Structures are given as structure tokens and as C-alpha cells.
C-alpha atoms as a PDB file:
ATOM      1  CA  UNK A   1       0.000   0.000   0.000  1.00  0.00           C
ATOM      2  CA  UNK A   2       2.794   2.360   0.909  1.00  0.00           C
ATOM      3  CA  UNK A   3       4.660   1.460  -2.312  1.00  0.00           C
ATOM      4  CA  UNK A   4       1.560   2.397  -4.312  1.00  0.00           C
ATOM      5  CA  UNK A   5       1.410   5.803  -2.601  1.00  0.00           C
ATOM      6  CA  UNK A   6       5.120   6.363  -3.247  1.00  0.00           C
ATOM      7  CA  UNK A   7       4.715   5.401  -6.910  1.00  0.00           C
ATOM      8  CA  UNK A   8       1.744   7.741  -7.225  1.00  0.00           C
ATOM      9  CA  UNK A   9       3.745  10.584  -5.658  1.00  0.00           C
ATOM     10  CA  UNK A  10       6.639  10.017  -8.088  1.00  0.00           C
ATOM     11  CA  UNK A  11       4.224   9.905 -11.008  1.00  0.00           C
ATOM     12  CA  UNK A  12       2.609  13.203  -9.964  1.00  0.00           C
ATOM     13  CA  UNK A  13       6.037  14.800  -9.473  1.00  0.00           C
ATOM     14  CA  UNK A  14       7.165  13.624 -12.902  1.00  0.00           C
ATOM     15  CA  UNK A  15       4.030  14.928 -14.594  1.00  0.00           C
ATOM     16  CA  UNK A  16       4.395  18.270 -12.816  1.00  0.00           C
ATOM     17  CA  UNK A  17       8.009  18.643 -13.907  1.00  0.00           C
ATOM     18  CA  UNK A  18       7.061  17.692 -17.468  1.00  0.00           C
ATOM     19  CA  UNK A  19       4.292  20.295 -17.520  1.00  0.00           C
ATOM     20  CA  UNK A  20       6.665  22.919 -16.127  1.00  0.00           C
ATOM     21  CA  UNK A  21       9.236  22.079 -18.801  1.00  0.00           C
ATOM     22  CA  UNK A  22       6.595  22.366 -21.500  1.00  0.00           C
ATOM     23  CA  UNK A  23       5.534  25.771 -20.200  1.00  0.00           C
ATOM     24  CA  UNK A  24       9.140  26.967 -20.166  1.00  0.00           C
ATOM     25  CA  UNK A  25       9.651  25.826 -23.750  1.00  0.00           C
ATOM     26  CA  UNK A  26       6.454  27.490 -24.913  1.00  0.00           C
ATOM     27  CA  UNK A  27       7.325  30.725 -23.116  1.00  0.00           C
ATOM     28  CA  UNK A  28      10.577  31.332 -24.993  1.00  0.00           C
ATOM     29  CA  UNK A  29       9.038  32.914 -28.126  1.00  0.00           C
ATOM     30  CA  UNK A  30       7.119  35.351 -25.940  1.00  0.00           C
ATOM     31  CA  UNK A  31      10.251  36.552 -24.144  1.00  0.00           C
ATOM     32  CA  UNK A  32      12.105  36.913 -27.440  1.00  0.00           C
ATOM     33  CA  UNK A  33       9.201  38.913 -28.852  1.00  0.00           C
ATOM     34  CA  UNK A  34       9.146  41.226 -25.844  1.00  0.00           C
ATOM     35  CA  UNK A  35      12.806  42.100 -26.410  1.00  0.00           C
ATOM     36  CA  UNK A  36      12.200  43.423 -29.935  1.00  0.00           C
ATOM     37  CA  UNK A  37      12.449  47.196 -30.020  1.00  0.00           C
ATOM     38  CA  UNK A  38       9.687  49.119 -31.718  1.00  0.00           C
ATOM     39  CA  UNK A  39      10.490  52.026 -33.968  1.00  0.00           C
ATOM     40  CA  UNK A  40       8.120  54.953 -34.165  1.00  0.00           C
ATOM     41  CA  UNK A  41       7.744  57.856 -36.540  1.00  0.00           C
ATOM     42  CA  UNK A  42       6.822  61.267 -35.199  1.00  0.00           C
ATOM     43  CA  UNK A  43       5.282  64.231 -36.929  1.00  0.00           C
ATOM     44  CA  UNK A  44       4.829  67.769 -35.585  1.00  0.00           C
ATOM     45  CA  UNK A  45       2.154  69.861 -37.270  1.00  0.00           C
ATOM     46  CA  UNK A  46       1.488  73.540 -36.571  1.00  0.00           C
ATOM     47  CA  UNK A  47      -2.163  74.449 -36.998  1.00  0.00           C
ATOM     48  CA  UNK A  48      -4.243  77.581 -36.827  1.00  0.00           C
ATOM     49  CA  UNK A  49      -5.777  77.997 -33.379  1.00  0.00           C
ATOM     50  CA  UNK A  50      -9.384  77.408 -34.432  1.00  0.00           C
ATOM     51  CA  UNK A  51     -11.430  74.337 -33.673  1.00  0.00           C
ATOM     52  CA  UNK A  52     -12.451  73.578 -37.264  1.00  0.00           C
ATOM     53  CA  UNK A  53      -8.859  73.574 -38.536  1.00  0.00           C
ATOM     54  CA  UNK A  54      -7.627  71.443 -35.639  1.00  0.00           C
ATOM     55  CA  UNK A  55     -10.448  68.913 -36.131  1.00  0.00           C
ATOM     56  CA  UNK A  56      -9.712  68.550 -39.824  1.00  0.00           C
ATOM     57  CA  UNK A  57      -5.981  67.933 -39.130  1.00  0.00           C
ATOM     58  CA  UNK A  58      -6.776  65.428 -36.368  1.00  0.00           C
ATOM     59  CA  UNK A  59      -9.174  63.560 -38.668  1.00  0.00           C
ATOM     60  CA  UNK A  60      -6.709  63.619 -41.567  1.00  0.00           C
ATOM     61  CA  UNK A  61      -3.777  62.255 -39.586  1.00  0.00           C
ATOM     62  CA  UNK A  62      -5.923  59.802 -37.605  1.00  0.00           C
ATOM     63  CA  UNK A  63      -7.309  58.240 -40.779  1.00  0.00           C
ATOM     64  CA  UNK A  64      -3.716  57.708 -41.962  1.00  0.00           C
ATOM     65  CA  UNK A  65      -2.764  55.759 -38.828  1.00  0.00           C
ATOM     66  CA  UNK A  66      -1.212  58.589 -36.802  1.00  0.00           C
ATOM     67  CA  UNK A  67      -1.972  58.869 -33.080  1.00  0.00           C
ATOM     68  CA  UNK A  68      -2.020  62.227 -31.307  1.00  0.00           C
ATOM     69  CA  UNK A  69       0.386  62.036 -28.356  1.00  0.00           C
ATOM     70  CA  UNK A  70       0.764  65.686 -27.308  1.00  0.00           C
ATOM     71  CA  UNK A  71      -0.264  69.252 -27.997  1.00  0.00           C
ATOM     72  CA  UNK A  72       2.206  72.024 -27.315  1.00  0.00           C
ATOM     73  CA  UNK A  73       1.885  75.734 -27.827  1.00  0.00           C
ATOM     74  CA  UNK A  74       4.625  77.114 -30.083  1.00  0.00           C
ATOM     75  CA  UNK A  75       4.788  80.818 -29.410  1.00  0.00           C
ATOM     76  CA  UNK A  76       1.577  80.665 -27.354  1.00  0.00           C
ATOM     77  CA  UNK A  77      -0.601  81.372 -30.408  1.00  0.00           C
ATOM     78  CA  UNK A  78       0.055  78.404 -32.724  1.00  0.00           C
ATOM     79  CA  UNK A  79      -0.773  74.940 -31.364  1.00  0.00           C
ATOM     80  CA  UNK A  80       1.548  72.128 -32.379  1.00  0.00           C
ATOM     81  CA  UNK A  81       0.003  68.704 -32.739  1.00  0.00           C
ATOM     82  CA  UNK A  82       2.505  65.913 -32.136  1.00  0.00           C
ATOM     83  CA  UNK A  83       1.625  62.582 -33.746  1.00  0.00           C
ATOM     84  CA  UNK A  84       3.198  59.128 -33.443  1.00  0.00           C
ATOM     85  CA  UNK A  85       2.920  56.146 -35.783  1.00  0.00           C
END
């Protein structure tokens, strides 16, 4: 009876180690993928400080895959839209 329990314990330990090894092998592509560096493009666009003009520029760049990441004020009268792709 005790031999059966010991055999069962060894079998469970072996299966657990096998499953752990499988998980480690499957996890390698994910770690390699995480190490890849992404490259971004940036674009700075000065626009007139009216809502209609800013909306048209935001729509234009957004439809081309650009994401607005910041808005800065150039000389306090001309907004600069900063996009990233």
C-alpha cells in the first residue's frame, strides 16, 4: 500500500516537472518577442488655433494611422500637434 502511494507521488512529481518544462519551452518565443524594439515615426504639425482647422488635421492624420500624443503651444498662439505612428 505504501509502495503504491510512493509510486503515485513520483508519477505526480514527474508529470508536474514535465508540464513545467513544456511551459518553459512554450514561453521562450514570448520573451524573445518582448525584447524586440519598436520604432516609431513622429510628426509635428502647426495648426491655426481654431477648432475647425484642428479637427480637420486630427481627422486627416488619424485616418492615416497617426496617433495624437501631445499638444504644445509654439509661441503661445500656434498649437503644435505631435503625432506618433
